[in-house]
Amino acid sequence: MEQITNFLSMGNYGAYIWTAYVLTAAVMLGLLVTTLQRLRKNKAELEEFQNIQDSTKQSGHKEETARP
């Protein structure tokens, strides 16, 4: 048990070291969450644009076949 306590205290710098680890992990987790949210938003937006493009192509194709 004493070895664990000595390890966690990190030579009396444990408070600084563990705070740095926690802050780094929190920032990295925040970056991951915001990146995944932005990815989902961009995928939905891309799908919407593709649907608009497909419907435009289909309506344009129908007009061309109706002309002759």
PDB file of N, CA and C in Angstrom:
ATOM      1  N   MET A   1       0.822  -1.193   0.000  1.00  0.00           N
ATOM      2  CA  MET A   1       0.000   0.000   0.000  1.00  0.00           C
ATOM      3  C   MET A   1       0.871   1.263   0.000  1.00  0.00           C
ATOM      4  N   GLU A   2       1.985   1.166   0.705  1.00  0.00           N
ATOM      5  CA  GLU A   2       2.884   2.317   0.782  1.00  0.00           C
ATOM      6  C   GLU A   2       3.504   2.622  -0.584  1.00  0.00           C
ATOM      7  N   GLN A   3       3.760   1.586  -1.376  1.00  0.00           N
ATOM      8  CA  GLN A   3       4.324   1.793  -2.705  1.00  0.00           C
ATOM      9  C   GLN A   3       3.347   2.557  -3.596  1.00  0.00           C
ATOM     10  N   ILE A   4       2.072   2.235  -3.479  1.00  0.00           N
ATOM     11  CA  ILE A   4       1.060   2.934  -4.276  1.00  0.00           C
ATOM     12  C   ILE A   4       0.983   4.394  -3.855  1.00  0.00           C
ATOM     13  N   THR A   5       1.015   4.636  -2.561  1.00  0.00           N
ATOM     14  CA  THR A   5       0.969   6.010  -2.056  1.00  0.00           C
ATOM     15  C   THR A   5       2.188   6.793  -2.523  1.00  0.00           C
ATOM     16  N   ASN A   6       3.356   6.171  -2.474  1.00  0.00           N
ATOM     17  CA  ASN A   6       4.575   6.831  -2.948  1.00  0.00           C
ATOM     18  C   ASN A   6       4.494   7.131  -4.443  1.00  0.00           C
ATOM     19  N   PHE A   7       3.951   6.176  -5.202  1.00  0.00           N
ATOM     20  CA  PHE A   7       3.815   6.397  -6.640  1.00  0.00           C
ATOM     21  C   PHE A   7       2.863   7.558  -6.918  1.00  0.00           C
ATOM     22  N   LEU A   8       1.714   7.567  -6.246  1.00  0.00           N
ATOM     23  CA  LEU A   8       0.724   8.613  -6.488  1.00  0.00           C
ATOM     24  C   LEU A   8       1.204   9.992  -6.035  1.00  0.00           C
ATOM     25  N   SER A   9       2.059  10.037  -5.017  1.00  0.00           N
ATOM     26  CA  SER A   9       2.557  11.335  -4.549  1.00  0.00           C
ATOM     27  C   SER A   9       3.620  11.897  -5.481  1.00  0.00           C
ATOM     28  N   MET A  10       4.255  11.039  -6.274  1.00  0.00           N
ATOM     29  CA  MET A  10       5.242  11.456  -7.274  1.00  0.00           C
ATOM     30  C   MET A  10       6.283  12.409  -6.686  1.00  0.00           C
ATOM     31  N   GLY A  11       6.820  12.029  -5.564  1.00  0.00           N
ATOM     32  CA  GLY A  11       7.858  12.848  -4.939  1.00  0.00           C
ATOM     33  C   GLY A  11       7.336  14.215  -4.529  1.00  0.00           C
ATOM     34  N   ASN A  12       6.146  14.256  -3.988  1.00  0.00           N
ATOM     35  CA  ASN A  12       5.461  15.478  -3.534  1.00  0.00           C
ATOM     36  C   ASN A  12       5.051  16.413  -4.674  1.00  0.00           C
ATOM     37  N   TYR A  13       5.128  15.944  -5.902  1.00  0.00           N
ATOM     38  CA  TYR A  13       4.647  16.717  -7.048  1.00  0.00           C
ATOM     39  C   TYR A  13       3.380  16.103  -7.640  1.00  0.00           C
ATOM     40  N   GLY A  14       2.827  15.134  -6.963  1.00  0.00           N
ATOM     41  CA  GLY A  14       1.665  14.405  -7.460  1.00  0.00           C
ATOM     42  C   GLY A  14       0.474  15.291  -7.773  1.00  0.00           C
ATOM     43  N   ALA A  15       0.224  16.290  -6.941  1.00  0.00           N
ATOM     44  CA  ALA A  15      -0.928  17.168  -7.173  1.00  0.00           C
ATOM     45  C   ALA A  15      -0.800  17.882  -8.517  1.00  0.00           C
ATOM     46  N   TYR A  16       0.377  18.326  -8.849  1.00  0.00           N
ATOM     47  CA  TYR A  16       0.596  19.025 -10.118  1.00  0.00           C
ATOM     48  C   TYR A  16       0.541  18.051 -11.304  1.00  0.00           C
ATOM     49  N   ILE A  17       1.187  16.916 -11.122  1.00  0.00           N
ATOM     50  CA  ILE A  17       1.250  15.940 -12.210  1.00  0.00           C
ATOM     51  C   ILE A  17      -0.130  15.382 -12.523  1.00  0.00           C
ATOM     52  N   TRP A  18      -0.869  14.957 -11.496  1.00  0.00           N
ATOM     53  CA  TRP A  18      -2.188  14.369 -11.735  1.00  0.00           C
ATOM     54  C   TRP A  18      -3.179  15.406 -12.246  1.00  0.00           C
ATOM     55  N   THR A  19      -3.038  16.645 -11.800  1.00  0.00           N
ATOM     56  CA  THR A  19      -3.891  17.715 -12.337  1.00  0.00           C
ATOM     57  C   THR A  19      -3.619  17.907 -13.822  1.00  0.00           C
ATOM     58  N   ALA A  20      -2.358  17.873 -14.198  1.00  0.00           N
ATOM     59  CA  ALA A  20      -2.006  18.017 -15.613  1.00  0.00           C
ATOM     60  C   ALA A  20      -2.567  16.856 -16.428  1.00  0.00           C
ATOM     61  N   TYR A  21      -2.474  15.647 -15.906  1.00  0.00           N
ATOM     62  CA  TYR A  21      -3.037  14.489 -16.609  1.00  0.00           C
ATOM     63  C   TYR A  21      -4.551  14.615 -16.770  1.00  0.00           C
ATOM     64  N   VAL A  22      -5.230  15.022 -15.708  1.00  0.00           N
ATOM     65  CA  VAL A  22      -6.693  15.142 -15.757  1.00  0.00           C
ATOM     66  C   VAL A  22      -7.105  16.233 -16.736  1.00  0.00           C
ATOM     67  N   LEU A  23      -6.438  17.376 -16.695  1.00  0.00           N
ATOM     68  CA  LEU A  23      -6.773  18.457 -17.621  1.00  0.00           C
ATOM     69  C   LEU A  23      -6.504  18.051 -19.071  1.00  0.00           C
ATOM     70  N   THR A  24      -5.399  17.374 -19.297  1.00  0.00           N
ATOM     71  CA  THR A  24      -5.082  16.914 -20.650  1.00  0.00           C
ATOM     72  C   THR A  24      -6.128  15.926 -21.145  1.00  0.00           C
ATOM     73  N   ALA A  25      -6.512  14.994 -20.299  1.00  0.00           N
ATOM     74  CA  ALA A  25      -7.532  14.013 -20.680  1.00  0.00           C
ATOM     75  C   ALA A  25      -8.868  14.700 -20.952  1.00  0.00           C
ATOM     76  N   ALA A  26      -9.230  15.701 -20.143  1.00  0.00           N
ATOM     77  CA  ALA A  26     -10.493  16.416 -20.344  1.00  0.00           C
ATOM     78  C   ALA A  26     -10.494  17.172 -21.671  1.00  0.00           C
ATOM     79  N   VAL A  27      -9.388  17.827 -21.986  1.00  0.00           N
ATOM     80  CA  VAL A  27      -9.294  18.559 -23.254  1.00  0.00           C
ATOM     81  C   VAL A  27      -9.366  17.593 -24.433  1.00  0.00           C
ATOM     82  N   MET A  28      -8.654  16.491 -24.346  1.00  0.00           N
ATOM     83  CA  MET A  28      -8.673  15.517 -25.440  1.00  0.00           C
ATOM     84  C   MET A  28     -10.061  14.898 -25.606  1.00  0.00           C
ATOM     85  N   LEU A  29     -10.738  14.623 -24.509  1.00  0.00           N
ATOM     86  CA  LEU A  29     -12.098  14.094 -24.579  1.00  0.00           C
ATOM     87  C   LEU A  29     -13.041  15.125 -25.188  1.00  0.00           C
ATOM     88  N   GLY A  30     -12.881  16.382 -24.792  1.00  0.00           N
ATOM     89  CA  GLY A  30     -13.692  17.452 -25.376  1.00  0.00           C
ATOM     90  C   GLY A  30     -13.469  17.581 -26.873  1.00  0.00           C
ATOM     91  N   LEU A  31     -12.225  17.490 -27.297  1.00  0.00           N
ATOM     92  CA  LEU A  31     -11.923  17.541 -28.731  1.00  0.00           C
ATOM     93  C   LEU A  31     -12.551  16.367 -29.474  1.00  0.00           C
ATOM     94  N   LEU A  32     -12.501  15.202 -28.878  1.00  0.00           N
ATOM     95  CA  LEU A  32     -13.100  14.020 -29.498  1.00  0.00           C
ATOM     96  C   LEU A  32     -14.609  14.187 -29.645  1.00  0.00           C
ATOM     97  N   VAL A  33     -15.257  14.658 -28.592  1.00  0.00           N
ATOM     98  CA  VAL A  33     -16.716  14.832 -28.626  1.00  0.00           C
ATOM     99  C   VAL A  33     -17.109  15.866 -29.669  1.00  0.00           C
ATOM    100  N   THR A  34     -16.447  17.016 -29.684  1.00  0.00           N
ATOM    101  CA  THR A  34     -16.807  18.050 -30.657  1.00  0.00           C
ATOM    102  C   THR A  34     -16.502  17.607 -32.084  1.00  0.00           C
ATOM    103  N   THR A  35     -15.431  16.856 -32.269  1.00  0.00           N
ATOM    104  CA  THR A  35     -15.108  16.355 -33.602  1.00  0.00           C
ATOM    105  C   THR A  35     -16.170  15.381 -34.088  1.00  0.00           C
ATOM    106  N   LEU A  36     -16.609  14.481 -33.227  1.00  0.00           N
ATOM    107  CA  LEU A  36     -17.646  13.525 -33.614  1.00  0.00           C
ATOM    108  C   LEU A  36     -18.977  14.219 -33.890  1.00  0.00           C
ATOM    109  N   GLN A  37     -19.306  15.241 -33.094  1.00  0.00           N
ATOM    110  CA  GLN A  37     -20.535  15.997 -33.341  1.00  0.00           C
ATOM    111  C   GLN A  37     -20.467  16.703 -34.691  1.00  0.00           C
ATOM    112  N   ARG A  38     -19.351  17.330 -34.974  1.00  0.00           N
ATOM    113  CA  ARG A  38     -19.181  18.031 -36.243  1.00  0.00           C
ATOM    114  C   ARG A  38     -19.209  17.049 -37.418  1.00  0.00           C
ATOM    115  N   LEU A  39     -18.634  15.873 -37.224  1.00  0.00           N
ATOM    116  CA  LEU A  39     -18.648  14.851 -38.270  1.00  0.00           C
ATOM    117  C   LEU A  39     -20.079  14.426 -38.584  1.00  0.00           C
ATOM    118  N   ARG A  40     -20.884  14.182 -37.547  1.00  0.00           N
ATOM    119  CA  ARG A  40     -22.283  13.800 -37.771  1.00  0.00           C
ATOM    120  C   ARG A  40     -23.036  14.901 -38.492  1.00  0.00           C
ATOM    121  N   LYS A  41     -22.800  16.145 -38.088  1.00  0.00           N
ATOM    122  CA  LYS A  41     -23.476  17.277 -38.725  1.00  0.00           C
ATOM    123  C   LYS A  41     -23.073  17.382 -40.194  1.00  0.00           C
ATOM    124  N   ASN A  42     -21.786  17.249 -40.470  1.00  0.00           N
ATOM    125  CA  ASN A  42     -21.302  17.347 -41.847  1.00  0.00           C
ATOM    126  C   ASN A  42     -21.814  16.201 -42.710  1.00  0.00           C
ATOM    127  N   LYS A  43     -21.902  15.001 -42.143  1.00  0.00           N
ATOM    128  CA  LYS A  43     -22.442  13.873 -42.902  1.00  0.00           C
ATOM    129  C   LYS A  43     -23.903  14.114 -43.257  1.00  0.00           C
ATOM    130  N   ALA A  44     -24.682  14.627 -42.297  1.00  0.00           N
ATOM    131  CA  ALA A  44     -26.092  14.906 -42.557  1.00  0.00           C
ATOM    132  C   ALA A  44     -26.234  15.988 -43.617  1.00  0.00           C
ATOM    133  N   GLU A  45     -25.397  17.008 -43.543  1.00  0.00           N
ATOM    134  CA  GLU A  45     -25.437  18.089 -44.526  1.00  0.00           C
ATOM    135  C   GLU A  45     -25.049  17.579 -45.914  1.00  0.00           C
ATOM    136  N   LEU A  46     -24.039  16.740 -45.981  1.00  0.00           N
ATOM    137  CA  LEU A  46     -23.622  16.169 -47.258  1.00  0.00           C
ATOM    138  C   LEU A  46     -24.730  15.301 -47.850  1.00  0.00           C
ATOM    139  N   GLU A  47     -25.365  14.505 -47.016  1.00  0.00           N
ATOM    140  CA  GLU A  47     -26.460  13.662 -47.493  1.00  0.00           C
ATOM    141  C   GLU A  47     -27.606  14.520 -48.027  1.00  0.00           C
ATOM    142  N   GLU A  48     -27.886  15.621 -47.336  1.00  0.00           N
ATOM    143  CA  GLU A  48     -28.938  16.535 -47.794  1.00  0.00           C
ATOM    144  C   GLU A  48     -28.581  17.126 -49.160  1.00  0.00           C
ATOM    145  N   PHE A  49     -27.346  17.559 -49.330  1.00  0.00           N
ATOM    146  CA  PHE A  49     -26.911  18.109 -50.617  1.00  0.00           C
ATOM    147  C   PHE A  49     -26.971  17.051 -51.720  1.00  0.00           C
ATOM    148  N   GLN A  50     -26.579  15.832 -51.393  1.00  0.00           N
ATOM    149  CA  GLN A  50     -26.637  14.767 -52.389  1.00  0.00           C
ATOM    150  C   GLN A  50     -28.079  14.463 -52.785  1.00  0.00           C
ATOM    151  N   ASN A  51     -28.991  14.494 -51.819  1.00  0.00           N
ATOM    152  CA  ASN A  51     -30.405  14.273 -52.134  1.00  0.00           C
ATOM    153  C   ASN A  51     -30.945  15.379 -53.026  1.00  0.00           C
ATOM    154  N   ILE A  52     -30.549  16.613 -52.752  1.00  0.00           N
ATOM    155  CA  ILE A  52     -30.977  17.738 -53.588  1.00  0.00           C
ATOM    156  C   ILE A  52     -30.421  17.569 -54.998  1.00  0.00           C
ATOM    157  N   GLN A  53     -29.155  17.194 -55.091  1.00  0.00           N
ATOM    158  CA  GLN A  53     -28.528  17.002 -56.399  1.00  0.00           C
ATOM    159  C   GLN A  53     -29.203  15.861 -57.156  1.00  0.00           C
ATOM    160  N   ASP A  54     -29.499  14.769 -56.474  1.00  0.00           N
ATOM    161  CA  ASP A  54     -30.162  13.637 -57.125  1.00  0.00           C
ATOM    162  C   ASP A  54     -31.554  14.018 -57.607  1.00  0.00           C
ATOM    163  N   SER A  55     -32.299  14.760 -56.788  1.00  0.00           N
ATOM    164  CA  SER A  55     -33.647  15.150 -57.200  1.00  0.00           C
ATOM    165  C   SER A  55     -33.594  16.146 -58.355  1.00  0.00           C
ATOM    166  N   THR A  56     -32.577  16.994 -58.386  1.00  0.00           N
ATOM    167  CA  THR A  56     -32.414  17.937 -59.492  1.00  0.00           C
ATOM    168  C   THR A  56     -32.084  17.188 -60.780  1.00  0.00           C
ATOM    169  N   LYS A  57     -31.204  16.198 -60.679  1.00  0.00           N
ATOM    170  CA  LYS A  57     -30.851  15.405 -61.861  1.00  0.00           C
ATOM    171  C   LYS A  57     -32.060  14.633 -62.371  1.00  0.00           C
ATOM    172  N   GLN A  58     -32.848  14.072 -61.466  1.00  0.00           N
ATOM    173  CA  GLN A  58     -34.014  13.294 -61.874  1.00  0.00           C
ATOM    174  C   GLN A  58     -35.067  14.179 -62.519  1.00  0.00           C
ATOM    175  N   SER A  59     -35.312  15.349 -61.956  1.00  0.00           N
ATOM    176  CA  SER A  59     -36.311  16.243 -62.546  1.00  0.00           C
ATOM    177  C   SER A  59     -35.807  16.789 -63.879  1.00  0.00           C
ATOM    178  N   GLY A  60     -34.528  17.032 -64.014  1.00  0.00           N
ATOM    179  CA  GLY A  60     -33.954  17.471 -65.284  1.00  0.00           C
ATOM    180  C   GLY A  60     -34.026  16.370 -66.318  1.00  0.00           C
ATOM    181  N   HIS A  61     -33.833  15.148 -65.898  1.00  0.00           N
ATOM    182  CA  HIS A  61     -33.897  14.009 -66.817  1.00  0.00           C
ATOM    183  C   HIS A  61     -35.327  13.807 -67.323  1.00  0.00           C
ATOM    184  N   LYS A  62     -36.313  14.009 -66.464  1.00  0.00           N
ATOM    185  CA  LYS A  62     -37.705  13.854 -66.875  1.00  0.00           C
ATOM    186  C   LYS A  62     -38.090  14.906 -67.903  1.00  0.00           C
ATOM    187  N   GLU A  63     -37.577  16.127 -67.726  1.00  0.00           N
ATOM    188  CA  GLU A  63     -37.885  17.195 -68.676  1.00  0.00           C
ATOM    189  C   GLU A  63     -37.299  16.882 -70.046  1.00  0.00           C
ATOM    190  N   GLU A  64     -36.102  16.313 -70.077  1.00  0.00           N
ATOM    191  CA  GLU A  64     -35.465  15.986 -71.350  1.00  0.00           C
ATOM    192  C   GLU A  64     -36.230  14.887 -72.077  1.00  0.00           C
ATOM    193  N   THR A  65     -36.753  13.920 -71.368  1.00  0.00           N
ATOM    194  CA  THR A  65     -37.487  12.835 -72.022  1.00  0.00           C
ATOM    195  C   THR A  65     -38.870  13.293 -72.462  1.00  0.00           C
ATOM    196  N   ALA A  66     -39.409  14.331 -71.849  1.00  0.00           N
ATOM    197  CA  ALA A  66     -40.747  14.804 -72.209  1.00  0.00           C
ATOM    198  C   ALA A  66     -40.708  15.701 -73.443  1.00  0.00           C
ATOM    199  N   ARG A  67     -39.563  16.211 -73.854  1.00  0.00           N
ATOM    200  CA  ARG A  67     -39.455  17.151 -74.976  1.00  0.00           C
ATOM    201  C   ARG A  67     -39.716  16.544 -76.353  1.00  0.00           C
ATOM    202  N   PRO A  68     -39.274  15.362 -76.693  1.00  0.00           N
ATOM    203  CA  PRO A  68     -39.385  14.899 -78.088  1.00  0.00           C
ATOM    204  C   PRO A  68     -40.808  14.802 -78.489  1.00  0.00           C
TER     205      PRO A  68
END
